[in-house]
């Protein structure tokens, strides 16, 4: 093992309760009278750099870091809880309900969120789109058999029609077709 200057550590460090087998380094590296000076210099340099790193002032952030959620207040699609979703499904609706199961760490979920925002603008009064964070509502996601992300559920206002479930990133045209033809 080498120290920061390429100096071998094995000549300077002795584990506790172990005898030093070779107290002096080979003469080709250090002369015996320089041994104590070199050891002191190496350890004092290391100690000084450690102390200076501890005493350095904390860095200031130029901006506050994001909270990890990609939903902002100005987005049309809002995040709902499991209880709110159940109330929406059981309640009276005139428009289809689209539930997006997502996670903040999921890349395809972020891409799907952009597509769903465009759909929300196009179908502003003809469809209701909501989001459920699977990290926050993991039991609800498990009950809804969400195994891959993003997962979309299309629920018709007509109770006689079955819900349509898609899993993974789907094209925006497919979402339009499901809303227009199957709901």
N, C-alpha and C. Protein backbone atom coordinates (compact mmCIF):
# COMPACT_ATOMS: atom_id res chain seq x y z
N UNK A 1 0.85 -1.16 0.00
CA UNK A 1 0.00 0.00 0.00
C UNK A 1 0.90 1.23 0.00
N UNK A 2 0.48 2.28 -0.74
CA UNK A 2 1.29 3.48 -0.86
C UNK A 2 0.55 4.66 -0.27
N UNK A 3 1.30 5.59 0.30
CA UNK A 3 0.74 6.85 0.77
C UNK A 3 0.68 7.82 -0.38
N UNK A 4 0.21 9.03 -0.08
CA UNK A 4 0.00 10.02 -1.12
C UNK A 4 1.28 10.42 -1.84
N UNK A 5 2.39 10.19 -1.49
CA UNK A 5 3.60 10.58 -2.23
C UNK A 5 4.26 9.39 -2.89
N UNK A 6 3.62 8.24 -2.88
CA UNK A 6 4.22 7.05 -3.43
C UNK A 6 5.11 6.36 -2.42
N UNK A 7 5.05 6.76 -1.14
CA UNK A 7 5.87 6.18 -0.09
C UNK A 7 5.18 4.92 0.44
N UNK A 8 5.90 3.82 0.57
CA UNK A 8 5.26 2.59 1.05
C UNK A 8 4.82 2.74 2.51
N UNK A 9 3.58 2.34 2.79
CA UNK A 9 3.02 2.45 4.12
C UNK A 9 3.56 1.36 5.05
N UNK A 10 3.93 0.24 4.52
CA UNK A 10 4.34 -0.88 5.36
C UNK A 10 5.57 -0.58 6.21
N UNK A 11 6.39 0.40 5.84
CA UNK A 11 7.56 0.73 6.62
C UNK A 11 7.25 1.63 7.80
N UNK A 12 6.10 2.30 7.78
CA UNK A 12 5.81 3.30 8.80
C UNK A 12 4.70 2.90 9.75
N UNK A 13 3.91 1.93 9.41
CA UNK A 13 2.76 1.58 10.25
C UNK A 13 2.95 0.19 10.85
N UNK A 14 2.78 0.11 12.16
CA UNK A 14 2.84 -1.17 12.84
C UNK A 14 1.51 -1.37 13.55
N UNK A 15 0.80 -2.46 13.27
CA UNK A 15 -0.47 -2.69 13.96
C UNK A 15 -0.23 -2.82 15.46
N UNK A 16 -1.20 -2.45 16.29
CA UNK A 16 -1.04 -2.55 17.73
C UNK A 16 -0.78 -4.00 18.17
N UNK A 17 0.02 -4.15 19.19
CA UNK A 17 0.35 -5.46 19.78
C UNK A 17 1.10 -6.38 18.83
N UNK A 18 1.73 -5.84 17.82
CA UNK A 18 2.53 -6.65 16.90
C UNK A 18 3.95 -6.10 16.91
N UNK A 19 4.94 -6.92 16.99
CA UNK A 19 6.31 -6.42 16.97
C UNK A 19 6.69 -5.95 15.57
N UNK A 20 7.55 -4.96 15.51
CA UNK A 20 8.03 -4.44 14.25
C UNK A 20 9.15 -5.35 13.76
N UNK A 21 8.92 -5.99 12.61
CA UNK A 21 9.90 -6.96 12.11
C UNK A 21 11.13 -6.28 11.55
N UNK A 22 10.93 -5.25 10.79
CA UNK A 22 12.04 -4.54 10.18
C UNK A 22 11.88 -3.06 10.52
N UNK A 23 12.47 -2.60 11.62
CA UNK A 23 12.22 -1.24 12.07
C UNK A 23 12.75 -0.18 11.13
N UNK A 24 13.65 -0.50 10.25
CA UNK A 24 14.20 0.51 9.35
C UNK A 24 13.90 0.12 7.92
N UNK A 25 13.55 1.09 7.10
CA UNK A 25 13.29 0.80 5.71
C UNK A 25 14.59 0.48 4.99
N UNK A 26 14.51 -0.11 3.82
CA UNK A 26 15.74 -0.39 3.06
C UNK A 26 16.52 0.89 2.81
N UNK A 27 17.83 0.76 2.77
CA UNK A 27 18.70 1.93 2.64
C UNK A 27 18.52 2.62 1.29
N UNK A 28 17.99 1.93 0.31
CA UNK A 28 17.80 2.55 -0.99
C UNK A 28 16.69 3.60 -0.94
N UNK A 29 15.71 3.46 -0.02
CA UNK A 29 14.62 4.42 0.05
C UNK A 29 14.94 5.56 1.01
N UNK A 30 15.40 5.25 2.20
CA UNK A 30 15.66 6.27 3.20
C UNK A 30 16.94 5.94 3.96
N UNK A 31 17.64 6.97 4.36
CA UNK A 31 18.78 6.76 5.23
C UNK A 31 18.26 6.66 6.64
N UNK A 32 18.94 5.96 7.52
CA UNK A 32 18.44 5.71 8.88
C UNK A 32 18.24 7.01 9.66
N UNK A 33 19.03 8.01 9.44
CA UNK A 33 18.85 9.24 10.21
C UNK A 33 17.64 10.04 9.72
N UNK A 34 17.19 9.80 8.47
CA UNK A 34 16.03 10.51 7.93
C UNK A 34 14.72 9.80 8.25
N UNK A 35 14.78 8.63 8.86
CA UNK A 35 13.57 7.82 9.08
C UNK A 35 12.56 8.55 9.96
N UNK A 36 12.97 9.07 11.09
CA UNK A 36 12.05 9.74 12.01
C UNK A 36 11.52 11.03 11.39
N UNK A 37 12.34 11.78 10.69
CA UNK A 37 11.91 13.02 10.06
C UNK A 37 10.86 12.77 8.99
N UNK A 38 11.09 11.74 8.16
CA UNK A 38 10.16 11.41 7.09
C UNK A 38 8.83 10.95 7.67
N UNK A 39 8.86 10.13 8.69
CA UNK A 39 7.64 9.64 9.31
C UNK A 39 6.84 10.80 9.88
N UNK A 40 7.50 11.71 10.56
CA UNK A 40 6.83 12.86 11.14
C UNK A 40 6.23 13.74 10.06
N UNK A 41 6.95 13.94 8.97
CA UNK A 41 6.47 14.78 7.88
C UNK A 41 5.23 14.17 7.23
N UNK A 42 5.26 12.88 7.00
CA UNK A 42 4.13 12.22 6.35
C UNK A 42 2.90 12.30 7.24
N UNK A 43 3.04 11.98 8.52
CA UNK A 43 1.88 11.99 9.40
C UNK A 43 1.40 13.40 9.68
N UNK A 44 2.29 14.38 9.78
CA UNK A 44 1.84 15.74 10.03
C UNK A 44 1.13 16.31 8.81
N UNK A 45 1.58 15.96 7.59
CA UNK A 45 0.91 16.41 6.38
C UNK A 45 -0.48 15.81 6.29
N UNK A 46 -0.60 14.53 6.58
CA UNK A 46 -1.89 13.86 6.55
C UNK A 46 -2.82 14.46 7.60
N UNK A 47 -2.31 14.71 8.79
CA UNK A 47 -3.11 15.28 9.86
C UNK A 47 -3.56 16.69 9.50
N UNK A 48 -2.66 17.48 8.91
CA UNK A 48 -3.01 18.85 8.53
C UNK A 48 -4.11 18.86 7.47
N UNK A 49 -4.01 17.98 6.49
CA UNK A 49 -5.04 17.95 5.46
C UNK A 49 -6.37 17.48 6.03
N UNK A 50 -6.34 16.56 7.00
CA UNK A 50 -7.56 16.10 7.65
C UNK A 50 -8.19 17.21 8.46
N UNK A 51 -7.37 17.94 9.21
CA UNK A 51 -7.88 19.04 10.03
C UNK A 51 -8.43 20.15 9.15
N UNK A 52 -7.74 20.47 8.06
CA UNK A 52 -8.23 21.54 7.18
C UNK A 52 -9.53 21.16 6.50
N UNK A 53 -9.72 19.87 6.19
CA UNK A 53 -10.97 19.46 5.56
C UNK A 53 -12.12 19.51 6.56
N UNK A 54 -11.84 19.26 7.83
CA UNK A 54 -12.88 19.33 8.85
C UNK A 54 -13.24 20.77 9.15
N UNK A 55 -12.26 21.67 9.15
CA UNK A 55 -12.48 23.05 9.52
C UNK A 55 -12.94 23.93 8.36
N UNK A 56 -13.00 23.39 7.15
CA UNK A 56 -13.41 24.22 6.02
C UNK A 56 -14.88 24.59 6.17
N UNK A 57 -15.24 25.80 5.76
CA UNK A 57 -16.63 26.23 5.91
C UNK A 57 -17.54 25.39 5.01
N UNK A 58 -18.77 25.17 5.44
CA UNK A 58 -19.68 24.38 4.61
C UNK A 58 -19.99 25.11 3.32
N UNK A 59 -20.17 24.36 2.26
CA UNK A 59 -20.48 24.98 0.98
C UNK A 59 -21.93 25.44 0.98
N UNK A 60 -22.17 26.56 0.32
CA UNK A 60 -23.52 27.09 0.23
C UNK A 60 -24.15 26.63 -1.07
N UNK A 61 -25.41 26.28 -1.01
CA UNK A 61 -26.13 25.86 -2.20
C UNK A 61 -26.60 27.10 -2.96
N UNK A 62 -26.45 27.07 -4.28
CA UNK A 62 -26.92 28.18 -5.10
C UNK A 62 -28.44 28.11 -5.30
N UNK A 63 -28.97 26.90 -5.27
CA UNK A 63 -30.42 26.71 -5.41
C UNK A 63 -30.83 25.56 -4.52
N UNK A 64 -32.06 25.54 -4.13
CA UNK A 64 -32.54 24.44 -3.30
C UNK A 64 -32.71 23.20 -4.18
N UNK A 65 -32.32 22.03 -3.70
CA UNK A 65 -32.44 20.83 -4.50
C UNK A 65 -33.91 20.44 -4.66
N UNK A 66 -34.25 19.73 -5.75
CA UNK A 66 -35.64 19.31 -5.92
C UNK A 66 -36.02 18.28 -4.87
N UNK A 67 -37.31 18.19 -4.61
CA UNK A 67 -37.78 17.29 -3.56
C UNK A 67 -37.86 15.84 -4.03
N UNK A 68 -37.58 15.55 -5.28
CA UNK A 68 -37.64 14.18 -5.77
C UNK A 68 -38.95 13.89 -6.48
N UNK A 69 -39.88 14.78 -6.42
CA UNK A 69 -41.17 14.61 -7.10
C UNK A 69 -41.14 15.43 -8.38
N UNK A 70 -41.62 14.85 -9.48
CA UNK A 70 -41.62 15.60 -10.70
C UNK A 70 -42.97 16.26 -10.95
N UNK A 71 -43.88 16.17 -10.00
CA UNK A 71 -45.16 16.84 -10.12
C UNK A 71 -45.04 18.25 -9.54
N UNK A 72 -45.36 19.22 -10.34
CA UNK A 72 -45.32 20.60 -9.87
C UNK A 72 -46.75 21.09 -9.69
N UNK A 73 -46.90 22.21 -9.04
CA UNK A 73 -48.23 22.77 -8.77
C UNK A 73 -48.96 23.16 -10.05
N UNK A 74 -48.22 23.54 -11.10
CA UNK A 74 -48.88 24.00 -12.32
C UNK A 74 -49.24 22.85 -13.27
N UNK A 75 -48.94 21.61 -12.91
CA UNK A 75 -49.32 20.48 -13.75
C UNK A 75 -50.82 20.26 -13.65
N UNK A 76 -51.41 19.82 -14.74
CA UNK A 76 -52.85 19.55 -14.76
C UNK A 76 -53.20 18.26 -14.02
N UNK A 77 -52.30 17.30 -14.07
CA UNK A 77 -52.55 16.00 -13.45
C UNK A 77 -52.08 16.05 -12.00
N UNK A 78 -52.97 15.75 -11.09
CA UNK A 78 -52.67 15.80 -9.67
C UNK A 78 -52.47 14.41 -9.09
N UNK A 79 -51.72 14.34 -8.04
CA UNK A 79 -51.47 13.07 -7.33
C UNK A 79 -52.60 12.86 -6.32
N UNK A 80 -53.14 11.64 -6.32
CA UNK A 80 -54.23 11.29 -5.43
C UNK A 80 -53.82 10.14 -4.53
N UNK A 81 -54.50 10.02 -3.40
CA UNK A 81 -54.27 8.89 -2.49
C UNK A 81 -55.20 7.74 -2.88
N UNK A 82 -54.99 6.60 -2.28
CA UNK A 82 -55.81 5.41 -2.57
C UNK A 82 -57.27 5.67 -2.21
N UNK A 83 -57.52 6.32 -1.11
CA UNK A 83 -58.89 6.60 -0.67
C UNK A 83 -59.59 7.53 -1.67
N UNK A 84 -58.89 8.55 -2.13
CA UNK A 84 -59.48 9.48 -3.11
C UNK A 84 -59.79 8.78 -4.43
N UNK A 85 -58.91 7.87 -4.85
CA UNK A 85 -59.15 7.11 -6.08
C UNK A 85 -60.38 6.23 -5.94
N UNK A 86 -60.52 5.54 -4.80
CA UNK A 86 -61.68 4.68 -4.58
C UNK A 86 -62.97 5.48 -4.60
N UNK A 87 -62.95 6.68 -4.03
CA UNK A 87 -64.12 7.55 -4.06
C UNK A 87 -64.45 7.98 -5.49
N UNK A 88 -63.42 8.26 -6.30
CA UNK A 88 -63.65 8.64 -7.70
C UNK A 88 -64.26 7.50 -8.50
N UNK A 89 -63.75 6.29 -8.29
CA UNK A 89 -64.23 5.14 -9.06
C UNK A 89 -65.68 4.83 -8.69
N UNK A 90 -66.02 4.91 -7.41
CA UNK A 90 -67.38 4.60 -6.96
C UNK A 90 -68.36 5.73 -7.25
N UNK A 91 -67.87 6.95 -7.37
CA UNK A 91 -68.74 8.11 -7.56
C UNK A 91 -69.26 8.22 -8.99
N UNK A 92 -70.13 9.21 -9.17
CA UNK A 92 -70.71 9.50 -10.48
C UNK A 92 -69.73 10.30 -11.31
N UNK A 93 -69.51 9.84 -12.53
CA UNK A 93 -68.63 10.56 -13.46
C UNK A 93 -69.27 10.54 -14.84
N UNK A 94 -69.01 11.57 -15.61
CA UNK A 94 -69.47 11.63 -17.00
C UNK A 94 -68.33 11.34 -17.97
N UNK A 95 -67.10 11.34 -17.47
CA UNK A 95 -65.91 11.18 -18.31
C UNK A 95 -65.11 9.97 -17.84
N UNK A 96 -64.32 9.40 -18.74
CA UNK A 96 -63.47 8.27 -18.31
C UNK A 96 -62.39 8.74 -17.33
N UNK A 97 -62.01 7.83 -16.45
CA UNK A 97 -60.98 8.08 -15.45
C UNK A 97 -59.72 7.32 -15.86
N UNK A 98 -58.61 8.02 -15.93
CA UNK A 98 -57.32 7.40 -16.26
C UNK A 98 -56.44 7.52 -15.02
N UNK A 99 -56.01 6.37 -14.51
CA UNK A 99 -55.16 6.34 -13.32
C UNK A 99 -53.76 5.93 -13.75
N UNK A 100 -52.79 6.76 -13.44
CA UNK A 100 -51.39 6.49 -13.77
C UNK A 100 -50.65 6.10 -12.50
N UNK A 101 -50.22 4.84 -12.43
CA UNK A 101 -49.39 4.37 -11.31
C UNK A 101 -47.94 4.61 -11.71
N UNK A 102 -47.23 5.39 -10.92
CA UNK A 102 -45.87 5.80 -11.28
C UNK A 102 -44.98 5.76 -10.04
N UNK A 103 -43.68 5.99 -10.26
CA UNK A 103 -42.71 6.17 -9.18
C UNK A 103 -41.78 7.31 -9.59
N UNK A 104 -41.30 8.05 -8.62
CA UNK A 104 -40.45 9.21 -8.92
C UNK A 104 -39.10 8.81 -9.51
N UNK A 105 -38.63 7.60 -9.21
CA UNK A 105 -37.33 7.14 -9.67
C UNK A 105 -37.40 6.46 -11.04
N UNK A 106 -38.59 6.33 -11.60
CA UNK A 106 -38.82 5.58 -12.84
C UNK A 106 -38.68 6.51 -14.04
N UNK A 107 -37.72 6.23 -14.92
CA UNK A 107 -37.50 7.04 -16.12
C UNK A 107 -38.67 7.00 -17.09
N UNK A 108 -39.19 5.81 -17.44
CA UNK A 108 -40.35 5.77 -18.33
C UNK A 108 -41.58 6.47 -17.74
N UNK A 109 -41.70 6.49 -16.42
CA UNK A 109 -42.83 7.19 -15.78
C UNK A 109 -42.74 8.69 -16.05
N UNK A 110 -41.54 9.23 -16.06
CA UNK A 110 -41.35 10.64 -16.35
C UNK A 110 -41.73 10.95 -17.79
N UNK A 111 -41.35 10.07 -18.71
CA UNK A 111 -41.73 10.25 -20.11
C UNK A 111 -43.24 10.14 -20.28
N UNK A 112 -43.85 9.18 -19.57
CA UNK A 112 -45.30 9.01 -19.66
C UNK A 112 -46.01 10.22 -19.06
N UNK A 113 -45.45 10.82 -18.03
CA UNK A 113 -46.04 12.00 -17.41
C UNK A 113 -46.13 13.15 -18.41
N UNK A 114 -45.11 13.29 -19.25
CA UNK A 114 -45.12 14.34 -20.26
C UNK A 114 -46.23 14.08 -21.29
N UNK A 115 -46.39 12.82 -21.70
CA UNK A 115 -47.44 12.48 -22.65
C UNK A 115 -48.82 12.68 -22.03
N UNK A 116 -48.97 12.30 -20.78
CA UNK A 116 -50.26 12.46 -20.11
C UNK A 116 -50.62 13.93 -19.91
N UNK A 117 -49.64 14.77 -19.71
CA UNK A 117 -49.91 16.20 -19.62
C UNK A 117 -50.46 16.73 -20.95
N UNK A 118 -49.91 16.25 -22.07
CA UNK A 118 -50.43 16.66 -23.38
C UNK A 118 -51.85 16.15 -23.57
N UNK A 119 -52.11 14.92 -23.15
CA UNK A 119 -53.46 14.35 -23.23
C UNK A 119 -54.42 15.15 -22.35
N UNK A 120 -53.97 15.56 -21.17
CA UNK A 120 -54.82 16.34 -20.27
C UNK A 120 -55.21 17.67 -20.90
N UNK A 121 -54.32 18.27 -21.68
CA UNK A 121 -54.64 19.51 -22.36
C UNK A 121 -55.64 19.24 -23.49
N UNK A 122 -55.42 18.17 -24.27
CA UNK A 122 -56.31 17.84 -25.39
C UNK A 122 -57.71 17.46 -24.91
N UNK A 123 -57.78 16.63 -23.87
CA UNK A 123 -59.05 16.10 -23.38
C UNK A 123 -59.44 16.76 -22.06
N UNK A 124 -59.29 18.07 -22.00
CA UNK A 124 -59.47 18.79 -20.74
C UNK A 124 -60.82 18.50 -20.08
N UNK A 125 -61.90 18.51 -20.84
CA UNK A 125 -63.22 18.26 -20.25
C UNK A 125 -63.77 16.89 -20.64
N UNK A 126 -63.00 16.08 -21.38
CA UNK A 126 -63.49 14.78 -21.85
C UNK A 126 -62.83 13.59 -21.16
N UNK A 127 -61.91 13.83 -20.26
CA UNK A 127 -61.25 12.75 -19.52
C UNK A 127 -60.68 13.32 -18.23
N UNK A 128 -60.63 12.46 -17.22
CA UNK A 128 -60.03 12.85 -15.94
C UNK A 128 -58.80 11.97 -15.72
N UNK A 129 -57.65 12.60 -15.55
CA UNK A 129 -56.39 11.87 -15.39
C UNK A 129 -55.83 12.17 -14.00
N UNK A 130 -55.50 11.12 -13.27
CA UNK A 130 -54.93 11.27 -11.93
C UNK A 130 -53.70 10.36 -11.81
N UNK A 131 -52.88 10.64 -10.81
CA UNK A 131 -51.65 9.87 -10.58
C UNK A 131 -51.66 9.26 -9.19
N UNK A 132 -51.02 8.09 -9.08
CA UNK A 132 -50.83 7.43 -7.79
C UNK A 132 -49.36 7.05 -7.69
N UNK A 133 -48.69 7.56 -6.65
CA UNK A 133 -47.28 7.23 -6.41
C UNK A 133 -47.21 5.86 -5.75
N UNK A 134 -46.59 4.90 -6.41
CA UNK A 134 -46.55 3.53 -5.89
C UNK A 134 -45.65 3.41 -4.66
N UNK A 135 -44.73 4.34 -4.47
CA UNK A 135 -43.91 4.32 -3.26
C UNK A 135 -44.73 4.74 -2.04
N UNK A 136 -45.62 5.70 -2.23
CA UNK A 136 -46.47 6.16 -1.13
C UNK A 136 -47.66 5.23 -0.89
N UNK A 137 -48.21 4.69 -1.94
CA UNK A 137 -49.42 3.85 -1.87
C UNK A 137 -49.10 2.43 -2.35
N UNK A 138 -48.10 1.81 -1.73
CA UNK A 138 -47.64 0.49 -2.21
C UNK A 138 -48.68 -0.60 -1.99
N UNK A 139 -49.48 -0.52 -0.93
CA UNK A 139 -50.51 -1.54 -0.70
C UNK A 139 -51.61 -1.44 -1.74
N UNK A 140 -52.01 -0.23 -2.07
CA UNK A 140 -53.03 -0.01 -3.11
C UNK A 140 -52.51 -0.49 -4.46
N UNK A 141 -51.24 -0.19 -4.77
CA UNK A 141 -50.65 -0.65 -6.03
C UNK A 141 -50.59 -2.17 -6.08
N UNK A 142 -50.28 -2.79 -4.95
CA UNK A 142 -50.26 -4.26 -4.89
C UNK A 142 -51.66 -4.82 -5.11
N UNK A 143 -52.66 -4.21 -4.49
CA UNK A 143 -54.04 -4.67 -4.66
C UNK A 143 -54.53 -4.49 -6.09
N UNK A 144 -54.03 -3.49 -6.77
CA UNK A 144 -54.40 -3.24 -8.17
C UNK A 144 -53.51 -4.04 -9.13
N UNK A 145 -52.66 -4.88 -8.61
CA UNK A 145 -51.77 -5.78 -9.36
C UNK A 145 -50.83 -5.00 -10.29
N UNK A 146 -50.27 -3.94 -9.76
CA UNK A 146 -49.27 -3.17 -10.51
C UNK A 146 -47.93 -3.86 -10.33
N UNK A 147 -47.42 -4.39 -11.44
CA UNK A 147 -46.15 -5.12 -11.38
C UNK A 147 -45.05 -4.44 -12.17
N UNK A 148 -45.44 -3.58 -13.07
CA UNK A 148 -44.48 -2.83 -13.89
C UNK A 148 -44.89 -1.37 -13.93
N UNK A 149 -43.93 -0.52 -14.15
CA UNK A 149 -44.23 0.91 -14.17
C UNK A 149 -43.85 1.50 -15.52
N UNK A 150 -44.55 2.46 -15.99
CA UNK A 150 -45.83 2.96 -15.51
C UNK A 150 -46.98 2.02 -15.89
N UNK A 151 -48.01 2.00 -15.09
CA UNK A 151 -49.22 1.24 -15.37
C UNK A 151 -50.38 2.21 -15.42
N UNK A 152 -51.17 2.11 -16.50
CA UNK A 152 -52.34 2.96 -16.67
C UNK A 152 -53.60 2.12 -16.58
N UNK A 153 -54.59 2.62 -15.86
CA UNK A 153 -55.92 2.03 -15.83
C UNK A 153 -56.87 3.02 -16.47
N UNK A 154 -57.64 2.56 -17.45
CA UNK A 154 -58.67 3.36 -18.10
C UNK A 154 -60.01 2.83 -17.60
N UNK A 155 -60.74 3.65 -16.85
CA UNK A 155 -62.01 3.22 -16.27
C UNK A 155 -63.12 4.05 -16.90
N UNK A 156 -64.04 3.37 -17.55
CA UNK A 156 -65.14 4.03 -18.25
C UNK A 156 -66.17 4.53 -17.26
N UNK A 157 -66.90 5.60 -17.61
CA UNK A 157 -67.99 6.04 -16.75
C UNK A 157 -69.16 5.06 -16.76
N UNK A 158 -69.21 4.23 -17.79
CA UNK A 158 -70.25 3.20 -17.89
C UNK A 158 -69.82 1.99 -17.06
N UNK A 159 -70.54 1.65 -15.98
CA UNK A 159 -70.12 0.54 -15.12
C UNK A 159 -70.17 -0.83 -15.79
N UNK A 160 -70.85 -0.95 -16.94
CA UNK A 160 -70.92 -2.25 -17.60
C UNK A 160 -69.65 -2.57 -18.40
N UNK A 161 -68.84 -1.55 -18.69
CA UNK A 161 -67.61 -1.76 -19.44
C UNK A 161 -66.47 -2.12 -18.49
N UNK A 162 -65.61 -3.01 -18.95
CA UNK A 162 -64.44 -3.40 -18.17
C UNK A 162 -63.36 -2.33 -18.25
N UNK A 163 -62.55 -2.28 -17.22
CA UNK A 163 -61.41 -1.36 -17.22
C UNK A 163 -60.33 -1.90 -18.14
N UNK A 164 -59.59 -1.00 -18.74
CA UNK A 164 -58.48 -1.38 -19.61
C UNK A 164 -57.20 -1.05 -18.86
N UNK A 165 -56.27 -2.00 -18.89
CA UNK A 165 -55.00 -1.85 -18.17
C UNK A 165 -53.85 -1.93 -19.15
N UNK A 166 -52.93 -0.97 -19.09
CA UNK A 166 -51.71 -1.03 -19.90
C UNK A 166 -50.52 -0.95 -18.96
N UNK A 167 -49.46 -1.57 -19.38
CA UNK A 167 -48.25 -1.58 -18.56
C UNK A 167 -47.07 -1.18 -19.42
N UNK A 168 -46.24 -0.29 -18.91
CA UNK A 168 -45.07 0.17 -19.64
C UNK A 168 -45.38 1.44 -20.41
N UNK A 169 -44.36 1.94 -21.06
CA UNK A 169 -44.48 3.17 -21.83
C UNK A 169 -45.23 2.89 -23.12
N UNK A 170 -46.35 3.58 -23.33
CA UNK A 170 -47.14 3.37 -24.54
C UNK A 170 -47.19 4.68 -25.33
N UNK A 171 -47.40 4.59 -26.64
CA UNK A 171 -47.43 5.81 -27.46
C UNK A 171 -48.66 6.66 -27.13
N UNK A 172 -48.54 7.94 -27.36
CA UNK A 172 -49.62 8.87 -27.06
C UNK A 172 -50.85 8.59 -27.94
N UNK A 173 -50.63 8.11 -29.16
CA UNK A 173 -51.75 7.79 -30.04
C UNK A 173 -52.56 6.63 -29.49
N UNK A 174 -51.93 5.68 -28.86
CA UNK A 174 -52.67 4.55 -28.27
C UNK A 174 -53.57 5.04 -27.14
N UNK A 175 -53.09 6.00 -26.36
CA UNK A 175 -53.91 6.56 -25.29
C UNK A 175 -55.12 7.27 -25.88
N UNK A 176 -54.90 8.02 -26.96
CA UNK A 176 -56.01 8.70 -27.64
C UNK A 176 -57.03 7.69 -28.16
N UNK A 177 -56.55 6.61 -28.77
CA UNK A 177 -57.45 5.59 -29.32
C UNK A 177 -58.28 4.93 -28.23
N UNK A 178 -57.67 4.63 -27.10
CA UNK A 178 -58.42 3.99 -26.01
C UNK A 178 -59.51 4.93 -25.49
N UNK A 179 -59.17 6.21 -25.34
CA UNK A 179 -60.15 7.17 -24.84
C UNK A 179 -61.28 7.36 -25.85
N UNK A 180 -60.94 7.50 -27.12
CA UNK A 180 -61.95 7.79 -28.15
C UNK A 180 -62.82 6.58 -28.48
N UNK A 181 -62.23 5.41 -28.60
CA UNK A 181 -62.96 4.24 -29.12
C UNK A 181 -63.49 3.30 -28.04
N UNK A 182 -62.75 3.14 -26.94
CA UNK A 182 -63.13 2.12 -25.97
C UNK A 182 -63.81 2.66 -24.71
N UNK A 183 -63.82 3.95 -24.53
CA UNK A 183 -64.43 4.52 -23.33
C UNK A 183 -65.78 5.06 -23.72
